[in-house]
């Protein structure tokens, strides 16, 4: 079997409860230097995802700071399994256009997050190990008009 999502996912996962506030979500995003959080219910099951994009602008109005993230999260949430192939994961990213997808256990609890950036990093590392050029870099200054 080829490479799986488990090899490239970020774990452990940082998640947030669906009744947590927008302010708490922003605090977690900033503290952990991430741009999205899987949202879980009281039993720890994935119910959605909330991202910086979902929250942009909300904090400009103080009334939104105490609103539950459940009101702004994306649901249903597309997710991956740890044993999914990288090709299957790539197809999910391409099909849905998301930047990150939660990786869940068979019972639906978040285990990690798979980001598109990990594909880019993985491909670059494979090319470097094989001695192939990673791409052409522009070394001359750009022409001005």
C-alpha atoms as a PDB file:
ATOM      1  CA  UNK A   1       0.000   0.000   0.000  1.00  0.00           C
ATOM      2  CA  UNK A   2       1.262   3.539  -0.762  1.00  0.00           C
ATOM      3  CA  UNK A   3       1.614   6.549   1.469  1.00  0.00           C
ATOM      4  CA  UNK A   4      -1.331   7.294   3.708  1.00  0.00           C
ATOM      5  CA  UNK A   5      -2.817  10.390   5.276  1.00  0.00           C
ATOM      6  CA  UNK A   6      -1.542   9.236   8.679  1.00  0.00           C
ATOM      7  CA  UNK A   7       2.054   9.811   7.527  1.00  0.00           C
ATOM      8  CA  UNK A   8       1.470  13.481   6.668  1.00  0.00           C
ATOM      9  CA  UNK A   9      -1.276  14.593   9.051  1.00  0.00           C
ATOM     10  CA  UNK A  10      -0.583  16.948  11.933  1.00  0.00           C
ATOM     11  CA  UNK A  11      -1.345  15.317  15.276  1.00  0.00           C
ATOM     12  CA  UNK A  12      -2.423  15.626  17.968  1.00  0.00           C
ATOM     13  CA  UNK A  13      -5.319  17.728  16.800  1.00  0.00           C
ATOM     14  CA  UNK A  14      -6.327  21.040  18.352  1.00  0.00           C
ATOM     15  CA  UNK A  15     -10.127  21.147  18.374  1.00  0.00           C
ATOM     16  CA  UNK A  16     -12.882  23.218  19.955  1.00  0.00           C
ATOM     17  CA  UNK A  17     -16.311  22.400  21.416  1.00  0.00           C
ATOM     18  CA  UNK A  18     -19.314  23.577  19.441  1.00  0.00           C
ATOM     19  CA  UNK A  19     -20.546  25.704  22.352  1.00  0.00           C
ATOM     20  CA  UNK A  20     -17.230  27.580  22.695  1.00  0.00           C
ATOM     21  CA  UNK A  21     -17.322  31.236  21.718  1.00  0.00           C
ATOM     22  CA  UNK A  22     -15.961  32.957  18.631  1.00  0.00           C
ATOM     23  CA  UNK A  23     -13.482  34.745  20.899  1.00  0.00           C
ATOM     24  CA  UNK A  24     -12.237  31.420  22.307  1.00  0.00           C
ATOM     25  CA  UNK A  25     -11.815  30.054  18.776  1.00  0.00           C
ATOM     26  CA  UNK A  26      -9.766  33.084  17.752  1.00  0.00           C
ATOM     27  CA  UNK A  27      -7.601  32.697  20.828  1.00  0.00           C
ATOM     28  CA  UNK A  28      -6.893  29.027  20.007  1.00  0.00           C
ATOM     29  CA  UNK A  29      -6.099  29.808  16.363  1.00  0.00           C
ATOM     30  CA  UNK A  30      -3.589  32.452  17.420  1.00  0.00           C
ATOM     31  CA  UNK A  31      -2.056  30.446  20.275  1.00  0.00           C
ATOM     32  CA  UNK A  32      -1.404  27.408  18.065  1.00  0.00           C
ATOM     33  CA  UNK A  33      -0.521  29.299  14.851  1.00  0.00           C
ATOM     34  CA  UNK A  34      -3.201  27.476  12.870  1.00  0.00           C
ATOM     35  CA  UNK A  35      -5.967  28.662  10.562  1.00  0.00           C
ATOM     36  CA  UNK A  36      -8.738  26.172  11.277  1.00  0.00           C
ATOM     37  CA  UNK A  37     -10.215  24.081  14.088  1.00  0.00           C
ATOM     38  CA  UNK A  38     -12.265  20.898  13.975  1.00  0.00           C
ATOM     39  CA  UNK A  39     -15.428  21.464  16.012  1.00  0.00           C
ATOM     40  CA  UNK A  40     -16.601  18.641  18.279  1.00  0.00           C
ATOM     41  CA  UNK A  41     -19.730  17.944  20.286  1.00  0.00           C
ATOM     42  CA  UNK A  42     -19.770  17.201  24.027  1.00  0.00           C
ATOM     43  CA  UNK A  43     -18.814  13.559  23.340  1.00  0.00           C
ATOM     44  CA  UNK A  44     -15.829  14.527  21.175  1.00  0.00           C
ATOM     45  CA  UNK A  45     -17.346  13.651  17.779  1.00  0.00           C
ATOM     46  CA  UNK A  46     -16.589  15.840  14.771  1.00  0.00           C
ATOM     47  CA  UNK A  47     -19.556  18.079  13.899  1.00  0.00           C
ATOM     48  CA  UNK A  48     -17.918  20.766  11.760  1.00  0.00           C
ATOM     49  CA  UNK A  49     -14.898  22.975  11.184  1.00  0.00           C
ATOM     50  CA  UNK A  50     -14.350  26.668  11.868  1.00  0.00           C
ATOM     51  CA  UNK A  51     -11.665  28.671  10.070  1.00  0.00           C
ATOM     52  CA  UNK A  52     -10.192  32.131  10.066  1.00  0.00           C
ATOM     53  CA  UNK A  53     -12.311  32.832   7.000  1.00  0.00           C
ATOM     54  CA  UNK A  54     -15.469  31.909   8.912  1.00  0.00           C
ATOM     55  CA  UNK A  55     -14.549  34.306  11.711  1.00  0.00           C
ATOM     56  CA  UNK A  56     -13.145  37.252   9.738  1.00  0.00           C
ATOM     57  CA  UNK A  57     -14.936  40.427  10.569  1.00  0.00           C
ATOM     58  CA  UNK A  58     -16.981  38.981  13.431  1.00  0.00           C
ATOM     59  CA  UNK A  59     -14.728  40.411  16.100  1.00  0.00           C
ATOM     60  CA  UNK A  60     -15.123  43.903  14.689  1.00  0.00           C
ATOM     61  CA  UNK A  61     -18.550  43.827  16.295  1.00  0.00           C
ATOM     62  CA  UNK A  62     -18.208  43.023  20.009  1.00  0.00           C
ATOM     63  CA  UNK A  63     -21.642  41.379  20.089  1.00  0.00           C
ATOM     64  CA  UNK A  64     -20.260  38.421  18.066  1.00  0.00           C
ATOM     65  CA  UNK A  65     -17.388  37.616  20.441  1.00  0.00           C
ATOM     66  CA  UNK A  66     -19.642  35.566  22.738  1.00  0.00           C
ATOM     67  CA  UNK A  67     -21.511  33.788  19.933  1.00  0.00           C
ATOM     68  CA  UNK A  68     -21.008  29.984  19.806  1.00  0.00           C
ATOM     69  CA  UNK A  69     -18.713  28.769  17.015  1.00  0.00           C
ATOM     70  CA  UNK A  70     -21.503  26.358  16.020  1.00  0.00           C
ATOM     71  CA  UNK A  71     -23.268  29.370  14.487  1.00  0.00           C
ATOM     72  CA  UNK A  72     -20.364  30.006  12.081  1.00  0.00           C
ATOM     73  CA  UNK A  73     -18.764  26.618  11.466  1.00  0.00           C
ATOM     74  CA  UNK A  74     -18.945  24.720   8.191  1.00  0.00           C
ATOM     75  CA  UNK A  75     -21.089  21.611   8.330  1.00  0.00           C
ATOM     76  CA  UNK A  76     -21.281  18.934   7.282  1.00  0.00           C
ATOM     77  CA  UNK A  77     -17.552  18.581   7.448  1.00  0.00           C
ATOM     78  CA  UNK A  78     -15.629  16.623   4.823  1.00  0.00           C
ATOM     79  CA  UNK A  79     -13.065  14.453   6.593  1.00  0.00           C
ATOM     80  CA  UNK A  80     -10.360  11.895   5.924  1.00  0.00           C
ATOM     81  CA  UNK A  81      -9.362   8.630   7.610  1.00  0.00           C
ATOM     82  CA  UNK A  82      -5.763   7.888   8.656  1.00  0.00           C
ATOM     83  CA  UNK A  83      -5.544   4.956   6.234  1.00  0.00           C
ATOM     84  CA  UNK A  84      -6.820   6.920   3.221  1.00  0.00           C
ATOM     85  CA  UNK A  85      -4.274   7.074   0.428  1.00  0.00           C
ATOM     86  CA  UNK A  86      -2.640  10.383  -0.399  1.00  0.00           C
ATOM     87  CA  UNK A  87      -4.227  10.182  -3.846  1.00  0.00           C
ATOM     88  CA  UNK A  88      -7.693   9.856  -2.272  1.00  0.00           C
ATOM     89  CA  UNK A  89      -6.927  12.815   0.011  1.00  0.00           C
ATOM     90  CA  UNK A  90      -5.669  14.883  -2.909  1.00  0.00           C
ATOM     91  CA  UNK A  91      -8.913  14.203  -4.752  1.00  0.00           C
ATOM     92  CA  UNK A  92     -10.929  15.419  -1.739  1.00  0.00           C
ATOM     93  CA  UNK A  93      -8.885  18.635  -1.634  1.00  0.00           C
ATOM     94  CA  UNK A  94      -9.297  19.192  -5.366  1.00  0.00           C
ATOM     95  CA  UNK A  95     -13.004  18.374  -5.364  1.00  0.00           C
ATOM     96  CA  UNK A  96     -13.957  20.607  -2.425  1.00  0.00           C
ATOM     97  CA  UNK A  97     -11.286  23.324  -2.540  1.00  0.00           C
ATOM     98  CA  UNK A  98     -10.569  23.242   1.203  1.00  0.00           C
ATOM     99  CA  UNK A  99      -7.129  24.086   2.634  1.00  0.00           C
ATOM    100  CA  UNK A 100      -7.345  21.595   5.474  1.00  0.00           C
ATOM    101  CA  UNK A 101      -9.403  18.528   6.316  1.00  0.00           C
ATOM    102  CA  UNK A 102      -9.851  16.832   9.693  1.00  0.00           C
ATOM    103  CA  UNK A 103      -8.642  13.252   9.984  1.00  0.00           C
ATOM    104  CA  UNK A 104     -11.032  11.153  12.060  1.00  0.00           C
ATOM    105  CA  UNK A 105     -11.118   7.731  13.660  1.00  0.00           C
ATOM    106  CA  UNK A 106     -13.633   5.092  12.576  1.00  0.00           C
ATOM    107  CA  UNK A 107     -16.047   6.377  15.226  1.00  0.00           C
ATOM    108  CA  UNK A 108     -15.763  10.011  14.040  1.00  0.00           C
ATOM    109  CA  UNK A 109     -13.422  11.543  16.622  1.00  0.00           C
ATOM    110  CA  UNK A 110     -10.713  13.896  15.319  1.00  0.00           C
ATOM    111  CA  UNK A 111      -7.174  12.472  15.316  1.00  0.00           C
ATOM    112  CA  UNK A 112      -5.358  15.100  13.294  1.00  0.00           C
ATOM    113  CA  UNK A 113      -5.553  17.550  10.419  1.00  0.00           C
ATOM    114  CA  UNK A 114      -4.290  17.147   6.870  1.00  0.00           C
ATOM    115  CA  UNK A 115      -3.345  20.397   5.133  1.00  0.00           C
ATOM    116  CA  UNK A 116      -2.749  20.988   1.420  1.00  0.00           C
ATOM    117  CA  UNK A 117       0.608  22.464   2.350  1.00  0.00           C
ATOM    118  CA  UNK A 118       1.729  19.008   3.514  1.00  0.00           C
ATOM    119  CA  UNK A 119       1.309  17.736  -0.066  1.00  0.00           C
ATOM    120  CA  UNK A 120       3.495  20.541  -1.367  1.00  0.00           C
ATOM    121  CA  UNK A 121       6.138  19.856   1.291  1.00  0.00           C
ATOM    122  CA  UNK A 122       6.027  16.098   0.627  1.00  0.00           C
ATOM    123  CA  UNK A 123       6.390  16.464  -3.153  1.00  0.00           C
ATOM    124  CA  UNK A 124       9.253  18.950  -2.764  1.00  0.00           C
ATOM    125  CA  UNK A 125      11.081  16.619  -0.369  1.00  0.00           C
ATOM    126  CA  UNK A 126      10.639  13.619  -2.689  1.00  0.00           C
ATOM    127  CA  UNK A 127      12.035  15.583  -5.630  1.00  0.00           C
ATOM    128  CA  UNK A 128      15.010  16.788  -3.582  1.00  0.00           C
ATOM    129  CA  UNK A 129      15.793  13.246  -2.392  1.00  0.00           C
ATOM    130  CA  UNK A 130      15.677  11.962  -5.948  1.00  0.00           C
ATOM    131  CA  UNK A 131      18.021  14.702  -7.070  1.00  0.00           C
ATOM    132  CA  UNK A 132      15.445  16.251  -9.352  1.00  0.00           C
ATOM    133  CA  UNK A 133      15.117  19.998  -9.587  1.00  0.00           C
ATOM    134  CA  UNK A 134      12.228  21.277  -7.495  1.00  0.00           C
ATOM    135  CA  UNK A 135      11.488  23.879 -10.132  1.00  0.00           C
ATOM    136  CA  UNK A 136      13.025  26.795 -11.909  1.00  0.00           C
ATOM    137  CA  UNK A 137      13.644  29.851  -9.805  1.00  0.00           C
ATOM    138  CA  UNK A 138      13.760  33.336 -11.212  1.00  0.00           C
ATOM    139  CA  UNK A 139      17.147  34.778 -10.378  1.00  0.00           C
ATOM    140  CA  UNK A 140      17.064  37.831 -12.610  1.00  0.00           C
ATOM    141  CA  UNK A 141      15.138  40.890 -11.503  1.00  0.00           C
ATOM    142  CA  UNK A 142      11.702  41.259 -13.021  1.00  0.00           C
ATOM    143  CA  UNK A 143      11.485  43.609 -15.970  1.00  0.00           C
ATOM    144  CA  UNK A 144       9.766  46.873 -15.346  1.00  0.00           C
ATOM    145  CA  UNK A 145       7.492  48.530 -17.830  1.00  0.00           C
END
